[in-house]
Amino acid sequence: TIVVPAGFTRDNLPAGVCFIGRPYDDGNLI
């Protein structure tokens, strides 16, 4: 799993989006 910033909420706090994939498919998630 990899997370990356997705912007800020209306309270100006960070939120993120998460990509999850098949076992050992780390390269494609990157």
PDB file of all heavy atoms in Angstrom:
ATOM      1  N   THR A   1       0.841  -1.198   0.000  1.00  0.00           N
ATOM      2  CA  THR A   1       0.000   0.000   0.000  1.00  0.00           C
ATOM      3  C   THR A   1       0.869   1.238   0.000  1.00  0.00           C
ATOM      4  O   THR A   1       1.876   1.286   0.703  1.00  0.00           O
ATOM      5  CB  THR A   1      -0.882   0.064   1.260  1.00  0.00           C
ATOM      6  OG1 THR A   1      -1.595  -1.140   1.402  1.00  0.00           O
ATOM      7  CG2 THR A   1      -1.895   1.175   1.165  1.00  0.00           C
ATOM      8  N   ILE A   2       0.431   2.246  -0.742  1.00  0.00           N
ATOM      9  CA  ILE A   2       1.141   3.534  -0.736  1.00  0.00           C
ATOM     10  C   ILE A   2       0.121   4.654  -0.582  1.00  0.00           C
ATOM     11  O   ILE A   2      -0.970   4.587  -1.149  1.00  0.00           O
ATOM     12  CB  ILE A   2       1.984   3.700  -2.025  1.00  0.00           C
ATOM     13  CG1 ILE A   2       2.857   4.956  -1.960  1.00  0.00           C
ATOM     14  CG2 ILE A   2       1.131   3.677  -3.280  1.00  0.00           C
ATOM     15  CD1 ILE A   2       3.936   5.010  -3.054  1.00  0.00           C
ATOM     16  N   VAL A   3       0.459   5.644   0.234  1.00  0.00           N
ATOM     17  CA  VAL A   3      -0.406   6.822   0.365  1.00  0.00           C
ATOM     18  C   VAL A   3       0.324   8.044  -0.178  1.00  0.00           C
ATOM     19  O   VAL A   3       1.551   8.132  -0.125  1.00  0.00           O
ATOM     20  CB  VAL A   3      -0.849   7.101   1.824  1.00  0.00           C
ATOM     21  CG1 VAL A   3      -1.704   5.975   2.365  1.00  0.00           C
ATOM     22  CG2 VAL A   3       0.331   7.379   2.745  1.00  0.00           C
ATOM     23  N   VAL A   4      -0.483   8.968  -0.689  1.00  0.00           N
ATOM     24  CA  VAL A   4       0.079  10.180  -1.281  1.00  0.00           C
ATOM     25  C   VAL A   4      -0.869  11.339  -0.942  1.00  0.00           C
ATOM     26  O   VAL A   4      -2.077  11.123  -0.794  1.00  0.00           O
ATOM     27  CB  VAL A   4       0.292   9.933  -2.801  1.00  0.00           C
ATOM     28  CG1 VAL A   4      -0.991   9.826  -3.547  1.00  0.00           C
ATOM     29  CG2 VAL A   4       1.204  10.929  -3.426  1.00  0.00           C
ATOM     30  N   PRO A   5      -0.345  12.556  -0.729  1.00  0.00           N
ATOM     31  CA  PRO A   5      -1.233  13.670  -0.370  1.00  0.00           C
ATOM     32  C   PRO A   5      -2.318  13.910  -1.417  1.00  0.00           C
ATOM     33  O   PRO A   5      -2.068  13.853  -2.622  1.00  0.00           O
ATOM     34  CB  PRO A   5      -0.280  14.868  -0.284  1.00  0.00           C
ATOM     35  CG  PRO A   5       1.052  14.278   0.044  1.00  0.00           C
ATOM     36  CD  PRO A   5       1.081  12.972  -0.691  1.00  0.00           C
ATOM     37  N   ALA A   6      -3.552  14.179  -0.927  1.00  0.00           N
ATOM     38  CA  ALA A   6      -4.685  14.445  -1.825  1.00  0.00           C
ATOM     39  C   ALA A   6      -5.249  15.845  -1.581  1.00  0.00           C
ATOM     40  O   ALA A   6      -6.340  16.159  -2.039  1.00  0.00           O
ATOM     41  CB  ALA A   6      -5.766  13.387  -1.617  1.00  0.00           C
ATOM     42  N   GLY A   7      -4.508  16.663  -0.829  1.00  0.00           N
ATOM     43  CA  GLY A   7      -4.981  18.017  -0.570  1.00  0.00           C
ATOM     44  C   GLY A   7      -5.379  18.201   0.886  1.00  0.00           C
ATOM     45  O   GLY A   7      -4.965  17.434   1.765  1.00  0.00           O
ATOM     46  N   PHE A   8      -6.195  19.222   1.120  1.00  0.00           N
ATOM     47  CA  PHE A   8      -6.531  19.618   2.487  1.00  0.00           C
ATOM     48  C   PHE A   8      -8.036  19.702   2.667  1.00  0.00           C
ATOM     49  O   PHE A   8      -8.766  20.035   1.730  1.00  0.00           O
ATOM     50  CB  PHE A   8      -5.885  20.978   2.804  1.00  0.00           C
ATOM     51  CG  PHE A   8      -4.380  20.904   2.858  1.00  0.00           C
ATOM     52  CD1 PHE A   8      -3.619  20.925   1.696  1.00  0.00           C
ATOM     53  CD2 PHE A   8      -3.709  20.785   4.075  1.00  0.00           C
ATOM     54  CE1 PHE A   8      -2.235  20.829   1.735  1.00  0.00           C
ATOM     55  CE2 PHE A   8      -2.326  20.688   4.118  1.00  0.00           C
ATOM     56  CZ  PHE A   8      -1.587  20.719   2.953  1.00  0.00           C
ATOM     57  N   THR A   9      -8.494  19.412   3.865  1.00  0.00           N
ATOM     58  CA  THR A   9      -9.918  19.538   4.183  1.00  0.00           C
ATOM     59  C   THR A   9     -10.255  21.019   4.345  1.00  0.00           C
ATOM     60  O   THR A   9      -9.372  21.871   4.367  1.00  0.00           O
ATOM     61  CB  THR A   9     -10.244  18.824   5.505  1.00  0.00           C
ATOM     62  OG1 THR A   9      -9.559  19.508   6.577  1.00  0.00           O
ATOM     63  CG2 THR A   9      -9.820  17.364   5.482  1.00  0.00           C
ATOM     64  N   ARG A  10     -11.523  21.310   4.543  1.00  0.00           N
ATOM     65  CA  ARG A  10     -11.882  22.726   4.715  1.00  0.00           C
ATOM     66  C   ARG A  10     -11.400  23.286   6.056  1.00  0.00           C
ATOM     67  O   ARG A  10     -11.414  24.494   6.265  1.00  0.00           O
ATOM     68  CB  ARG A  10     -13.374  22.968   4.492  1.00  0.00           C
ATOM     69  CG  ARG A  10     -14.341  22.139   5.310  1.00  0.00           C
ATOM     70  CD  ARG A  10     -15.779  22.499   4.879  1.00  0.00           C
ATOM     71  NE  ARG A  10     -16.765  21.935   5.780  1.00  0.00           N
ATOM     72  CZ  ARG A  10     -17.388  20.787   5.585  1.00  0.00           C
ATOM     73  NH1 ARG A  10     -17.111  20.076   4.497  1.00  0.00           N
ATOM     74  NH2 ARG A  10     -18.276  20.344   6.444  1.00  0.00           N
ATOM     75  N   ASP A  11     -10.904  22.413   6.955  1.00  0.00           N
ATOM     76  CA  ASP A  11     -10.243  22.877   8.182  1.00  0.00           C
ATOM     77  C   ASP A  11      -8.746  23.084   7.949  1.00  0.00           C
ATOM     78  O   ASP A  11      -7.988  23.297   8.883  1.00  0.00           O
ATOM     79  CB  ASP A  11     -10.429  21.861   9.327  1.00  0.00           C
ATOM     80  CG  ASP A  11     -11.878  21.770   9.776  1.00  0.00           C
ATOM     81  OD1 ASP A  11     -12.634  22.720   9.508  1.00  0.00           O
ATOM     82  OD2 ASP A  11     -12.251  20.751  10.392  1.00  0.00           O
ATOM     83  N   ASN A  12      -8.333  22.921   6.689  1.00  0.00           N
ATOM     84  CA  ASN A  12      -6.918  23.090   6.315  1.00  0.00           C
ATOM     85  C   ASN A  12      -6.012  22.028   6.928  1.00  0.00           C
ATOM     86  O   ASN A  12      -4.878  22.301   7.318  1.00  0.00           O
ATOM     87  CB  ASN A  12      -6.443  24.498   6.701  1.00  0.00           C
ATOM     88  CG  ASN A  12      -5.547  25.069   5.610  1.00  0.00           C
ATOM     89  OD1 ASN A  12      -5.524  24.542   4.488  1.00  0.00           O
ATOM     90  ND2 ASN A  12      -4.793  26.091   5.926  1.00  0.00           N
ATOM     91  N   LEU A  13      -6.534  20.812   7.002  1.00  0.00           N
ATOM     92  CA  LEU A  13      -5.756  19.676   7.518  1.00  0.00           C
ATOM     93  C   LEU A  13      -5.520  18.686   6.381  1.00  0.00           C
ATOM     94  O   LEU A  13      -6.387  18.500   5.519  1.00  0.00           O
ATOM     95  CB  LEU A  13      -6.510  19.002   8.669  1.00  0.00           C
ATOM     96  CG  LEU A  13      -6.655  19.879   9.924  1.00  0.00           C
ATOM     97  CD1 LEU A  13      -7.713  19.308  10.856  1.00  0.00           C
ATOM     98  CD2 LEU A  13      -5.321  20.018  10.651  1.00  0.00           C
ATOM     99  N   PRO A  14      -4.335  18.035   6.370  1.00  0.00           N
ATOM    100  CA  PRO A  14      -3.998  17.159   5.239  1.00  0.00           C
ATOM    101  C   PRO A  14      -4.869  15.905   5.173  1.00  0.00           C
ATOM    102  O   PRO A  14      -5.257  15.345   6.208  1.00  0.00           O
ATOM    103  CB  PRO A  14      -2.541  16.758   5.521  1.00  0.00           C
ATOM    104  CG  PRO A  14      -2.057  17.646   6.610  1.00  0.00           C
ATOM    105  CD  PRO A  14      -3.254  18.116   7.364  1.00  0.00           C
ATOM    106  N   ALA A  15      -5.169  15.494   3.952  1.00  0.00           N
ATOM    107  CA  ALA A  15      -5.847  14.217   3.709  1.00  0.00           C
ATOM    108  C   ALA A  15      -5.094  13.511   2.588  1.00  0.00           C
ATOM    109  O   ALA A  15      -4.327  14.138   1.861  1.00  0.00           O
ATOM    110  CB  ALA A  15      -7.305  14.449   3.328  1.00  0.00           C
ATOM    111  N   GLY A  16      -5.323  12.206   2.457  1.00  0.00           N
ATOM    112  CA  GLY A  16      -4.551  11.456   1.460  1.00  0.00           C
ATOM    113  C   GLY A  16      -5.379  10.420   0.744  1.00  0.00           C
ATOM    114  O   GLY A  16      -6.510  10.117   1.133  1.00  0.00           O
ATOM    115  N   VAL A  17      -4.789   9.884  -0.294  1.00  0.00           N
ATOM    116  CA  VAL A  17      -5.427   8.812  -1.044  1.00  0.00           C
ATOM    117  C   VAL A  17      -4.498   7.598  -0.999  1.00  0.00           C
ATOM    118  O   VAL A  17      -3.279   7.731  -0.960  1.00  0.00           O
ATOM    119  CB  VAL A  17      -5.749   9.286  -2.486  1.00  0.00           C
ATOM    120  CG1 VAL A  17      -4.504   9.497  -3.306  1.00  0.00           C
ATOM    121  CG2 VAL A  17      -6.690   8.334  -3.173  1.00  0.00           C
ATOM    122  N   CYS A  18      -5.107   6.417  -0.953  1.00  0.00           N
ATOM    123  CA  CYS A  18      -4.358   5.180  -0.732  1.00  0.00           C
ATOM    124  C   CYS A  18      -4.555   4.231  -1.916  1.00  0.00           C
ATOM    125  O   CYS A  18      -5.687   3.984  -2.327  1.00  0.00           O
ATOM    126  CB  CYS A  18      -4.924   4.541   0.534  1.00  0.00           C
ATOM    127  SG  CYS A  18      -3.983   3.158   1.116  1.00  0.00           S
ATOM    128  N   PHE A  19      -3.440   3.729  -2.452  1.00  0.00           N
ATOM    129  CA  PHE A  19      -3.490   2.715  -3.516  1.00  0.00           C
ATOM    130  C   PHE A  19      -3.073   1.384  -2.910  1.00  0.00           C
ATOM    131  O   PHE A  19      -2.037   1.300  -2.239  1.00  0.00           O
ATOM    132  CB  PHE A  19      -2.508   3.062  -4.641  1.00  0.00           C
ATOM    133  CG  PHE A  19      -2.797   4.358  -5.349  1.00  0.00           C
ATOM    134  CD1 PHE A  19      -2.316   5.557  -4.841  1.00  0.00           C
ATOM    135  CD2 PHE A  19      -3.551   4.380  -6.528  1.00  0.00           C
ATOM    136  CE1 PHE A  19      -2.566   6.765  -5.490  1.00  0.00           C
ATOM    137  CE2 PHE A  19      -3.806   5.578  -7.178  1.00  0.00           C
ATOM    138  CZ  PHE A  19      -3.323   6.775  -6.662  1.00  0.00           C
ATOM    139  N   ILE A  20      -3.874   0.356  -3.123  1.00  0.00           N
ATOM    140  CA  ILE A  20      -3.546  -0.977  -2.594  1.00  0.00           C
ATOM    141  C   ILE A  20      -3.664  -1.967  -3.750  1.00  0.00           C
ATOM    142  O   ILE A  20      -4.538  -1.820  -4.612  1.00  0.00           O
ATOM    143  CB  ILE A  20      -4.479  -1.325  -1.398  1.00  0.00           C
ATOM    144  CG1 ILE A  20      -4.154  -2.698  -0.814  1.00  0.00           C
ATOM    145  CG2 ILE A  20      -5.956  -1.254  -1.758  1.00  0.00           C
ATOM    146  CD1 ILE A  20      -4.835  -2.965   0.539  1.00  0.00           C
ATOM    147  N   GLY A  21      -2.755  -2.949  -3.790  1.00  0.00           N
ATOM    148  CA  GLY A  21      -2.748  -3.838  -4.954  1.00  0.00           C
ATOM    149  C   GLY A  21      -2.425  -5.283  -4.621  1.00  0.00           C
ATOM    150  O   GLY A  21      -2.349  -5.671  -3.458  1.00  0.00           O
ATOM    151  N   ARG A  22      -2.192  -6.058  -5.651  1.00  0.00           N
ATOM    152  CA  ARG A  22      -1.894  -7.483  -5.484  1.00  0.00           C
ATOM    153  C   ARG A  22      -0.557  -7.685  -4.786  1.00  0.00           C
ATOM    154  O   ARG A  22       0.324  -6.818  -4.859  1.00  0.00           O
ATOM    155  CB  ARG A  22      -1.845  -8.168  -6.856  1.00  0.00           C
ATOM    156  CG  ARG A  22      -3.181  -8.256  -7.540  1.00  0.00           C
ATOM    157  CD  ARG A  22      -3.092  -9.005  -8.864  1.00  0.00           C
ATOM    158  NE  ARG A  22      -4.416  -9.104  -9.470  1.00  0.00           N
ATOM    159  CZ  ARG A  22      -4.979  -8.140 -10.189  1.00  0.00           C
ATOM    160  NH1 ARG A  22      -4.312  -7.021 -10.435  1.00  0.00           N
ATOM    161  NH2 ARG A  22      -6.183  -8.301 -10.691  1.00  0.00           N
ATOM    162  N   PRO A  23      -0.365  -8.843  -4.153  1.00  0.00           N
ATOM    163  CA  PRO A  23       0.913  -9.119  -3.499  1.00  0.00           C
ATOM    164  C   PRO A  23       2.088  -8.883  -4.444  1.00  0.00           C
ATOM    165  O   PRO A  23       2.063  -9.296  -5.616  1.00  0.00           O
ATOM    166  CB  PRO A  23       0.808 -10.602  -3.122  1.00  0.00           C
ATOM    167  CG  PRO A  23      -0.658 -10.828  -2.921  1.00  0.00           C
ATOM    168  CD  PRO A  23      -1.332  -9.952  -3.945  1.00  0.00           C
ATOM    169  N   TYR A  24       3.083  -8.178  -3.949  1.00  0.00           N
ATOM    170  CA  TYR A  24       4.351  -7.906  -4.646  1.00  0.00           C
ATOM    171  C   TYR A  24       4.196  -7.101  -5.936  1.00  0.00           C
ATOM    172  O   TYR A  24       5.080  -7.106  -6.788  1.00  0.00           O
ATOM    173  CB  TYR A  24       5.136  -9.217  -4.884  1.00  0.00           C
ATOM    174  CG  TYR A  24       5.505  -9.847  -3.570  1.00  0.00           C
ATOM    175  CD1 TYR A  24       4.855 -10.981  -3.100  1.00  0.00           C
ATOM    176  CD2 TYR A  24       6.482  -9.265  -2.760  1.00  0.00           C
ATOM    177  CE1 TYR A  24       5.168 -11.526  -1.863  1.00  0.00           C
ATOM    178  CE2 TYR A  24       6.791  -9.798  -1.515  1.00  0.00           C
ATOM    179  CZ  TYR A  24       6.125 -10.927  -1.067  1.00  0.00           C
ATOM    180  OH  TYR A  24       6.424 -11.445   0.160  1.00  0.00           O
ATOM    181  N   ASP A  25       3.065  -6.375  -6.038  1.00  0.00           N
ATOM    182  CA  ASP A  25       2.923  -5.483  -7.187  1.00  0.00           C
ATOM    183  C   ASP A  25       3.325  -4.050  -6.783  1.00  0.00           C
ATOM    184  O   ASP A  25       2.721  -3.068  -7.210  1.00  0.00           O
ATOM    185  CB  ASP A  25       1.479  -5.516  -7.714  1.00  0.00           C
ATOM    186  CG  ASP A  25       1.371  -5.001  -9.149  1.00  0.00           C
ATOM    187  OD1 ASP A  25       2.417  -4.946  -9.840  1.00  0.00           O
ATOM    188  OD2 ASP A  25       0.260  -4.635  -9.569  1.00  0.00           O
ATOM    189  N   ASP A  26       4.361  -3.964  -5.963  1.00  0.00           N
ATOM    190  CA  ASP A  26       4.798  -2.682  -5.386  1.00  0.00           C
ATOM    191  C   ASP A  26       5.144  -1.648  -6.463  1.00  0.00           C
ATOM    192  O   ASP A  26       4.826  -0.464  -6.320  1.00  0.00           O
ATOM    193  CB  ASP A  26       6.014  -2.903  -4.478  1.00  0.00           C
ATOM    194  CG  ASP A  26       5.701  -3.851  -3.332  1.00  0.00           C
ATOM    195  OD1 ASP A  26       5.423  -5.045  -3.587  1.00  0.00           O
ATOM    196  OD2 ASP A  26       5.724  -3.413  -2.181  1.00  0.00           O
ATOM    197  N   GLY A  27       5.799  -2.102  -7.533  1.00  0.00           N
ATOM    198  CA  GLY A  27       6.236  -1.179  -8.576  1.00  0.00           C
ATOM    199  C   GLY A  27       5.074  -0.435  -9.219  1.00  0.00           C
ATOM    200  O   GLY A  27       5.137   0.783  -9.424  1.00  0.00           O
ATOM    201  N   ASN A  28       3.998  -1.167  -9.514  1.00  0.00           N
ATOM    202  CA  ASN A  28       2.850  -0.507 -10.149  1.00  0.00           C
ATOM    203  C   ASN A  28       2.158   0.475  -9.217  1.00  0.00           C
ATOM    204  O   ASN A  28       1.675   1.522  -9.654  1.00  0.00           O
ATOM    205  CB  ASN A  28       1.859  -1.543 -10.693  1.00  0.00           C
ATOM    206  CG  ASN A  28       2.304  -2.049 -12.052  1.00  0.00           C
ATOM    207  OD1 ASN A  28       2.752  -1.273 -12.898  1.00  0.00           O
ATOM    208  ND2 ASN A  28       2.223  -3.352 -12.264  1.00  0.00           N
ATOM    209  N   LEU A  29       2.130   0.163  -7.932  1.00  0.00           N
ATOM    210  CA  LEU A  29       1.534   1.114  -6.981  1.00  0.00           C
ATOM    211  C   LEU A  29       2.348   2.406  -6.936  1.00  0.00           C
ATOM    212  O   LEU A  29       1.796   3.503  -6.858  1.00  0.00           O
ATOM    213  CB  LEU A  29       1.433   0.505  -5.580  1.00  0.00           C
ATOM    214  CG  LEU A  29       0.445  -0.648  -5.404  1.00  0.00           C
ATOM    215  CD1 LEU A  29       0.165  -0.878  -3.926  1.00  0.00           C
ATOM    216  CD2 LEU A  29      -0.866  -0.407  -6.129  1.00  0.00           C
ATOM    217  N   ILE A  30       3.671   2.257  -6.989  1.00  0.00           N
ATOM    218  CA  ILE A  30       4.543   3.438  -7.040  1.00  0.00           C
ATOM    219  C   ILE A  30       4.231   4.247  -8.306  1.00  0.00           C
ATOM    220  O   ILE A  30       4.154   5.476  -8.273  1.00  0.00           O
ATOM    221  CB  ILE A  30       6.028   3.016  -6.954  1.00  0.00           C
ATOM    222  CG1 ILE A  30       6.370   2.633  -5.508  1.00  0.00           C
ATOM    223  CG2 ILE A  30       6.959   4.125  -7.460  1.00  0.00           C
ATOM    224  CD1 ILE A  30       7.737   2.016  -5.297  1.00  0.00           C
TER     225      ILE A  30
END
